[in-house]
Amino acid sequence: MHTILAVDDSPSMRKMVSFTLTGAGYQVVEAVDGMDALEKAEAQHVDLVLADQNMPRLDGIGLTRRLREHPRFKNTPILILTTESSDQMKQAGKAAGATGWLVKPFDPNRLIEVLQKVIR
């Protein structure tokens, strides 16, 4: 079973993502912001990180940069799931090492489809 680290400062969004992913057979670890996500990612194995962009303490792009500094997360898929849809923001995500960019509100079936494509 693949483990996904779902990072979002909104409790309702974390619940929605978690519900969608557990329903598709994934194990989900929730984090409330980028710093919390870093701690959780270092403490256990995760197969994919799904992170919001706009969060307190450490945003999604900052989290992506920090994870990519660790050899362990060099090839871990990192998807940014956010309301941000500007090309400039997407480019910043790509430059930081994000695998993909998904815009909220998300379609649960599309989210699962994307995960299945990028998870190893």
Protein backbone atom coordinates (compact mmCIF):
# COMPACT_ATOMS: atom_id res chain seq x y z
CA MET A 1 0.00 0.00 0.00
CA HIS A 2 1.39 3.40 -0.99
CA THR A 3 1.62 6.15 1.61
CA ILE A 4 0.75 9.71 0.67
CA LEU A 5 1.63 12.76 2.73
CA ALA A 6 -1.29 15.20 2.37
CA VAL A 7 -0.31 18.73 3.41
CA ASP A 8 -2.88 21.50 3.76
CA ASP A 9 -3.60 24.11 6.44
CA SER A 10 -7.35 23.71 5.85
CA PRO A 11 -8.80 20.88 8.00
CA SER A 12 -11.75 20.44 5.61
CA MET A 13 -9.45 20.14 2.58
CA ARG A 14 -7.24 17.61 4.40
CA LYS A 15 -10.36 15.58 5.23
CA MET A 16 -11.59 15.68 1.64
CA VAL A 17 -8.21 14.66 0.22
CA SER A 18 -7.77 11.97 2.87
CA PHE A 19 -11.26 10.57 2.23
CA THR A 20 -10.60 10.44 -1.53
CA LEU A 21 -7.20 8.77 -1.16
CA THR A 22 -8.11 6.22 1.51
CA GLY A 23 -11.16 5.30 -0.58
CA ALA A 24 -8.77 4.53 -3.45
CA GLY A 25 -6.64 2.28 -1.24
CA TYR A 26 -3.86 4.66 -0.21
CA GLN A 27 -2.57 5.17 3.30
CA VAL A 28 -2.64 8.89 4.18
CA VAL A 29 -0.50 10.86 6.60
CA GLU A 30 -1.82 14.38 7.19
CA ALA A 31 0.27 17.49 7.88
CA VAL A 32 -1.01 20.97 8.75
CA ASP A 33 1.76 22.96 6.99
CA GLY A 34 5.15 22.61 5.34
CA MET A 35 7.15 22.38 8.58
CA ASP A 36 4.83 19.68 9.95
CA ALA A 37 5.17 17.87 6.60
CA LEU A 38 8.99 17.95 6.76
CA GLU A 39 8.95 16.38 10.21
CA LYS A 40 6.49 13.68 9.16
CA ALA A 41 8.31 12.94 5.89
CA GLU A 42 11.59 12.47 7.75
CA ALA A 43 9.97 10.22 10.36
CA GLN A 44 8.43 7.69 7.96
CA HIS A 45 8.43 6.45 4.39
CA VAL A 46 6.16 8.34 1.98
CA ASP A 47 5.61 7.45 -1.67
CA LEU A 48 4.17 10.81 -2.72
CA VAL A 49 3.68 14.29 -1.29
CA LEU A 50 0.50 16.22 -2.11
CA ALA A 51 0.87 19.78 -0.82
CA ASP A 52 -1.09 23.01 -0.81
CA GLN A 53 0.85 26.11 -1.90
CA ASN A 54 -0.41 28.80 0.49
CA MET A 55 0.30 27.70 4.08
CA PRO A 56 1.75 29.28 7.21
CA ARG A 57 5.36 28.52 8.31
CA LEU A 58 6.39 26.89 5.00
CA ASP A 59 4.48 26.99 1.69
CA GLY A 60 4.25 24.20 -0.89
CA ILE A 61 7.09 25.46 -3.09
CA GLY A 62 9.33 25.95 -0.03
CA LEU A 63 8.44 22.43 1.14
CA THR A 64 9.26 21.05 -2.31
CA ARG A 65 12.67 22.77 -2.28
CA ARG A 66 13.48 21.48 1.21
CA LEU A 67 12.43 17.90 0.36
CA ARG A 68 14.47 17.91 -2.86
CA GLU A 69 17.59 18.78 -0.78
CA HIS A 70 17.33 15.32 0.83
CA PRO A 71 18.69 12.45 -1.31
CA ARG A 72 15.81 10.33 0.03
CA PHE A 73 13.22 12.58 -1.66
CA LYS A 74 15.13 13.20 -4.89
CA ASN A 75 12.74 10.99 -6.86
CA THR A 76 9.62 11.15 -4.68
CA PRO A 77 6.70 12.60 -6.66
CA ILE A 78 5.58 15.95 -5.23
CA LEU A 79 2.27 17.39 -6.44
CA ILE A 80 1.09 20.89 -5.56
CA LEU A 81 -2.70 21.03 -5.07
CA THR A 82 -3.73 24.68 -4.82
CA THR A 83 -6.09 27.46 -5.87
CA GLU A 84 -3.08 29.17 -7.52
CA SER A 85 -3.21 28.74 -11.27
CA SER A 86 -0.88 31.39 -12.71
CA ASP A 87 1.82 30.22 -15.11
CA GLN A 88 4.38 32.12 -13.04
CA MET A 89 3.45 30.13 -9.93
CA LYS A 90 3.49 26.84 -11.86
CA GLN A 91 6.95 27.67 -13.21
CA ALA A 92 8.18 28.41 -9.67
CA GLY A 93 6.81 25.02 -8.59
CA LYS A 94 8.54 23.26 -11.46
CA ALA A 95 11.81 25.09 -10.74
CA ALA A 96 11.58 23.96 -7.10
CA GLY A 97 11.22 20.34 -8.24
CA ALA A 98 7.46 19.75 -8.17
CA THR A 99 6.34 16.79 -10.29
CA GLY A 100 2.97 18.34 -11.09
CA TRP A 101 0.46 21.11 -10.36
CA LEU A 102 -3.24 20.50 -9.69
CA VAL A 103 -5.81 23.27 -9.21
CA LYS A 104 -8.52 23.26 -6.52
CA PRO A 105 -11.31 22.44 -6.41
CA PHE A 106 -10.09 19.01 -7.46
CA ASP A 107 -11.98 16.24 -9.22
CA PRO A 108 -11.46 13.11 -7.04
CA ASN A 109 -11.26 10.78 -10.06
CA ARG A 110 -8.73 13.03 -11.80
CA LEU A 111 -6.64 13.23 -8.61
CA ILE A 112 -6.48 9.41 -8.36
CA GLU A 113 -5.64 9.19 -12.08
CA VAL A 114 -2.71 11.59 -11.69
CA LEU A 115 -1.45 9.77 -8.58
CA GLN A 116 -1.50 6.44 -10.38
CA LYS A 117 0.57 7.94 -13.20
CA VAL A 118 3.30 9.43 -11.01
CA ILE A 119 3.56 7.00 -8.10
CA ARG A 120 6.13 4.22 -8.45
